[in-house]
N, C-alpha and C. Protein backbone atom coordinates (compact mmCIF):
# COMPACT_ATOMS: atom_id res chain seq x y z
N MET A 1 43.61 -16.03 -15.48
CA MET A 1 43.14 -16.56 -13.77
C MET A 1 41.67 -16.51 -14.45
N GLU A 2 41.10 -18.24 -13.63
CA GLU A 2 39.91 -18.65 -14.02
C GLU A 2 38.99 -18.20 -12.28
N SER A 3 38.25 -18.43 -12.94
CA SER A 3 36.91 -17.45 -11.66
C SER A 3 36.58 -18.62 -10.86
N THR A 4 36.94 -16.82 -9.77
CA THR A 4 36.77 -17.15 -8.34
C THR A 4 35.58 -18.80 -8.13
N CYS A 5 34.38 -18.30 -9.09
CA CYS A 5 33.09 -18.39 -8.15
C CYS A 5 33.23 -20.23 -8.25
N PHE A 6 32.78 -20.39 -7.46
CA PHE A 6 32.94 -22.17 -7.00
C PHE A 6 31.27 -22.94 -7.37
N ASN A 7 29.99 -22.20 -8.29
CA ASN A 7 28.54 -22.18 -8.14
C ASN A 7 29.19 -22.76 -9.58
N ALA A 8 29.29 -22.45 -9.68
CA ALA A 8 29.78 -23.01 -12.10
C ALA A 8 29.95 -24.87 -12.03
N ASN A 9 28.43 -24.50 -12.99
CA ASN A 9 29.15 -26.64 -13.16
C ASN A 9 29.60 -26.11 -14.97
N PRO A 10 30.30 -27.50 -14.35
CA PRO A 10 31.98 -27.43 -15.35
C PRO A 10 31.50 -28.00 -16.56
N TYR A 11 29.90 -29.07 -16.79
CA TYR A 11 30.21 -29.45 -17.68
C TYR A 11 29.05 -28.80 -18.56
N ILE A 12 28.50 -27.86 -17.84
CA ILE A 12 27.82 -27.13 -18.79
C ILE A 12 28.72 -25.60 -20.00
N ARG A 13 30.17 -25.42 -18.89
CA ARG A 13 30.22 -23.64 -19.23
C ARG A 13 29.98 -23.76 -20.51
N ASN A 14 30.34 -24.44 -22.18
CA ASN A 14 30.47 -24.46 -23.14
C ASN A 14 28.23 -23.77 -23.48
N LYS A 15 28.31 -24.48 -22.92
CA LYS A 15 27.14 -24.22 -23.63
C LYS A 15 26.87 -23.12 -22.70
N ASN A 16 26.77 -22.33 -22.13
CA ASN A 16 26.23 -20.96 -21.73
C ASN A 16 27.35 -19.09 -22.46
N ILE A 17 26.31 -18.93 -22.95
CA ILE A 17 26.83 -17.31 -22.86
C ILE A 17 27.30 -16.94 -22.56
N MET A 18 27.23 -16.54 -21.31
CA MET A 18 28.31 -16.02 -20.14
C MET A 18 28.11 -17.04 -18.41
N GLY A 19 29.59 -17.53 -18.97
CA GLY A 19 30.42 -17.86 -18.65
C GLY A 19 31.27 -18.55 -16.90
N PRO A 20 31.67 -18.07 -15.87
CA PRO A 20 32.26 -18.19 -15.04
C PRO A 20 33.75 -17.31 -16.14
N TYR A 21 34.52 -16.06 -15.39
CA TYR A 21 35.33 -15.08 -15.91
C TYR A 21 36.17 -15.79 -16.25
N SER A 22 36.90 -16.06 -17.45
CA SER A 22 38.16 -16.13 -17.71
C SER A 22 38.89 -14.60 -18.73
N GLU A 23 39.78 -15.06 -18.18
CA GLU A 23 41.10 -13.96 -18.31
C GLU A 23 41.50 -14.56 -20.47
N ASP A 24 41.70 -15.72 -20.36
CA ASP A 24 41.74 -16.93 -21.05
C ASP A 24 40.69 -16.43 -22.87
N LYS A 25 39.18 -16.72 -22.06
CA LYS A 25 37.76 -16.56 -22.37
C LYS A 25 38.27 -15.26 -22.97
N GLN A 26 38.60 -13.70 -22.24
CA GLN A 26 38.19 -12.76 -23.31
C GLN A 26 39.56 -12.82 -23.58
N PHE A 27 40.72 -13.11 -23.39
CA PHE A 27 41.20 -13.13 -24.45
C PHE A 27 41.43 -13.35 -26.55
N GLN A 28 41.18 -14.65 -26.12
CA GLN A 28 39.78 -15.15 -27.29
C GLN A 28 39.60 -14.29 -28.09
N ARG A 29 38.68 -14.17 -27.47
CA ARG A 29 37.42 -13.09 -27.80
C ARG A 29 38.38 -11.95 -28.54
N ALA A 30 39.26 -11.02 -27.60
CA ALA A 30 40.51 -9.72 -27.83
C ALA A 30 40.77 -10.67 -28.90
N GLU A 31 41.49 -11.89 -29.83
CA GLU A 31 42.03 -11.39 -31.03
C GLU A 31 41.21 -12.43 -31.56
N ALA A 32 39.83 -12.60 -31.80
CA ALA A 32 39.12 -12.77 -32.73
C ALA A 32 37.99 -12.00 -33.37
N ILE A 33 38.05 -11.40 -32.04
CA ILE A 33 37.60 -9.50 -33.41
C ILE A 33 38.60 -8.15 -34.08
N LYS A 34 40.03 -9.13 -33.26
CA LYS A 34 41.37 -8.10 -33.69
C LYS A 34 41.46 -8.44 -35.34
N HIS A 35 41.33 -10.12 -35.02
CA HIS A 35 41.73 -11.15 -36.16
C HIS A 35 40.36 -10.32 -37.55
N LEU A 36 38.94 -10.43 -36.84
CA LEU A 36 37.83 -10.06 -38.00
C LEU A 36 38.00 -8.47 -38.53
N LEU A 37 38.85 -7.47 -37.20
CA LEU A 37 38.50 -5.87 -38.69
C LEU A 37 39.73 -6.47 -39.05
N GLU A 38 40.94 -7.24 -38.53
CA GLU A 38 42.13 -7.00 -39.65
C GLU A 38 42.60 -7.33 -41.28
N ASN A 39 41.17 -9.10 -41.50
CA ASN A 39 41.17 -9.20 -42.09
C ASN A 39 40.03 -9.50 -43.27
N ASN A 40 39.61 -8.22 -42.72
CA ASN A 40 37.96 -8.06 -43.64
C ASN A 40 37.87 -6.09 -43.59
N PRO A 41 38.66 -6.15 -44.72
CA PRO A 41 38.93 -4.15 -45.51
C PRO A 41 37.16 -4.12 -46.36
N GLN A 42 36.40 -5.10 -46.22
CA GLN A 42 35.84 -4.21 -47.16
C GLN A 42 33.92 -4.68 -46.02
N LEU A 43 34.15 -4.35 -44.73
CA LEU A 43 33.24 -4.35 -43.74
C LEU A 43 32.66 -2.95 -43.87
N PRO A 44 31.56 -2.94 -43.29
CA PRO A 44 30.87 -1.71 -44.27
C PRO A 44 31.63 -0.14 -42.74
N ASP A 45 31.73 0.73 -42.02
CA ASP A 45 32.33 1.34 -41.47
C ASP A 45 31.48 0.79 -40.47
N ASP A 46 30.08 1.30 -40.59
CA ASP A 46 29.70 0.62 -38.77
C ASP A 46 29.50 -0.42 -38.63
N TYR A 47 30.37 -1.41 -38.93
CA TYR A 47 30.10 -2.45 -39.04
C TYR A 47 31.95 -2.24 -38.49
N LYS A 48 32.23 -2.03 -38.37
CA LYS A 48 33.46 -1.48 -38.06
C LYS A 48 34.23 -1.21 -36.76
N SER A 49 33.75 -0.01 -36.97
CA SER A 49 32.98 1.05 -35.69
C SER A 49 32.07 0.26 -34.14
N ILE A 50 30.98 -0.27 -34.72
CA ILE A 50 30.50 -1.50 -33.96
C ILE A 50 31.62 -3.09 -33.20
N TRP A 51 32.39 -3.61 -34.16
CA TRP A 51 33.44 -4.38 -33.28
C TRP A 51 34.18 -4.01 -32.57
N ARG A 52 34.77 -2.88 -32.81
CA ARG A 52 35.81 -2.07 -32.26
C ARG A 52 35.17 -1.71 -31.24
N LYS A 53 33.94 -0.78 -30.77
CA LYS A 53 32.98 -0.72 -29.63
C LYS A 53 33.31 -2.77 -28.75
N HIS A 54 32.92 -3.48 -29.05
CA HIS A 54 32.99 -4.65 -29.10
C HIS A 54 34.70 -4.74 -27.85
N LEU A 55 35.00 -4.74 -28.91
CA LEU A 55 36.34 -4.90 -28.03
C LEU A 55 36.90 -4.13 -27.64
N SER A 56 36.87 -2.53 -27.60
CA SER A 56 37.19 -1.94 -26.45
C SER A 56 36.01 -1.52 -25.01
N ASN A 57 35.44 -2.66 -24.83
CA ASN A 57 34.37 -3.60 -23.95
C ASN A 57 34.54 -4.14 -22.95
N LEU A 58 34.94 -4.97 -23.99
CA LEU A 58 35.24 -6.43 -22.63
C LEU A 58 36.11 -6.05 -21.81
N ALA A 59 35.91 -6.74 -20.91
CA ALA A 59 35.88 -6.93 -19.56
C ALA A 59 37.38 -7.20 -19.10
N LEU A 60 38.82 -6.40 -18.20
CA LEU A 60 39.19 -7.07 -18.39
C LEU A 60 39.42 -7.15 -16.43
N ASN A 61 38.35 -7.93 -16.26
CA ASN A 61 38.58 -8.24 -14.18
C ASN A 61 37.05 -8.70 -14.33
N GLU A 62 37.39 -9.85 -12.91
CA GLU A 62 36.12 -10.81 -13.12
C GLU A 62 35.56 -9.54 -12.18
N THR A 63 35.46 -8.76 -11.07
CA THR A 63 34.65 -7.92 -10.70
C THR A 63 33.19 -7.07 -11.73
N THR A 64 34.16 -6.42 -12.70
CA THR A 64 33.19 -5.94 -14.39
C THR A 64 33.23 -6.88 -14.72
N TYR A 65 33.15 -7.37 -15.06
CA TYR A 65 32.41 -8.71 -15.76
C TYR A 65 31.09 -9.16 -14.69
N ASN A 66 31.47 -10.09 -13.46
CA ASN A 66 30.23 -10.44 -12.61
C ASN A 66 29.43 -8.74 -13.07
N TYR A 67 29.85 -7.67 -12.60
CA TYR A 67 28.59 -6.81 -12.74
C TYR A 67 27.72 -6.81 -14.14
N ARG A 68 28.48 -6.96 -15.13
CA ARG A 68 28.10 -6.83 -16.53
C ARG A 68 26.32 -8.60 -16.44
N VAL A 69 27.34 -9.46 -16.12
CA VAL A 69 26.10 -10.72 -15.72
C VAL A 69 24.91 -10.42 -15.13
N LYS A 70 25.50 -9.54 -13.88
CA LYS A 70 24.09 -9.16 -12.67
C LYS A 70 23.18 -8.34 -13.30
N ALA A 71 24.26 -7.27 -14.13
CA ALA A 71 22.30 -6.52 -14.31
C ALA A 71 22.31 -6.79 -16.29
N ILE A 72 22.59 -8.08 -16.39
CA ILE A 72 21.75 -8.43 -17.39
C ILE A 72 20.55 -9.99 -17.27
N TYR A 73 21.34 -10.52 -15.83
CA TYR A 73 19.98 -11.34 -15.89
C TYR A 73 18.98 -10.95 -15.74
N SER A 74 19.56 -9.74 -13.90
CA SER A 74 18.92 -8.95 -12.69
C SER A 74 17.08 -8.32 -13.52
N ASN A 75 17.45 -8.15 -14.60
CA ASN A 75 16.61 -7.27 -15.20
C ASN A 75 15.80 -7.99 -16.50
N MET A 76 15.50 -9.43 -16.22
CA MET A 76 15.47 -10.42 -17.43
C MET A 76 13.76 -10.72 -17.18
N ASN A 77 12.77 -10.69 -17.84
CA ASN A 77 11.93 -10.94 -17.98
C ASN A 77 11.27 -12.39 -17.83
N ARG A 78 10.61 -12.94 -16.63
CA ARG A 78 11.13 -14.83 -16.96
C ARG A 78 9.71 -15.05 -17.03
N LYS A 79 8.31 -14.44 -18.49
CA LYS A 79 7.56 -14.52 -18.74
C LYS A 79 7.96 -15.03 -20.05
N PRO A 80 6.55 -16.16 -20.59
CA PRO A 80 7.01 -16.99 -20.92
C PRO A 80 6.70 -15.73 -22.85
N LEU A 81 7.76 -15.68 -24.22
CA LEU A 81 7.96 -14.94 -25.08
C LEU A 81 6.63 -15.50 -25.25
N VAL A 82 6.33 -16.48 -25.26
CA VAL A 82 4.90 -16.01 -26.07
C VAL A 82 3.59 -17.13 -25.63
N GLU A 83 2.66 -16.59 -25.31
CA GLU A 83 0.99 -17.35 -24.43
C GLU A 83 0.78 -18.03 -25.49
N TRP A 84 0.54 -19.49 -25.35
CA TRP A 84 0.36 -20.28 -25.92
C TRP A 84 -1.84 -20.61 -25.20
N ASN A 85 -2.80 -20.31 -26.16
CA ASN A 85 -4.03 -20.67 -24.96
C ASN A 85 -4.30 -21.86 -25.36
N VAL A 86 -4.13 -23.13 -24.55
CA VAL A 86 -4.22 -23.93 -24.69
C VAL A 86 -4.73 -24.53 -23.71
């Protein structure tokens, strides 16, 4: 199910880290993480734990996804990373 967000620009969707919610995209992310875990037995346990946590934390619905996007972007500092003295 695609997002019900009408403000998304379809031309730049793939360039964004967090675009409109998509069940297909979440499924792709889950499959990629499962593939990583299943095909890399040499991964240190710490890394496996991190990836399992990412897998379990994937948003399963648009409401949760949008809540997380808002939480992340509403607290961002809009100042430049570097103050140039020019």
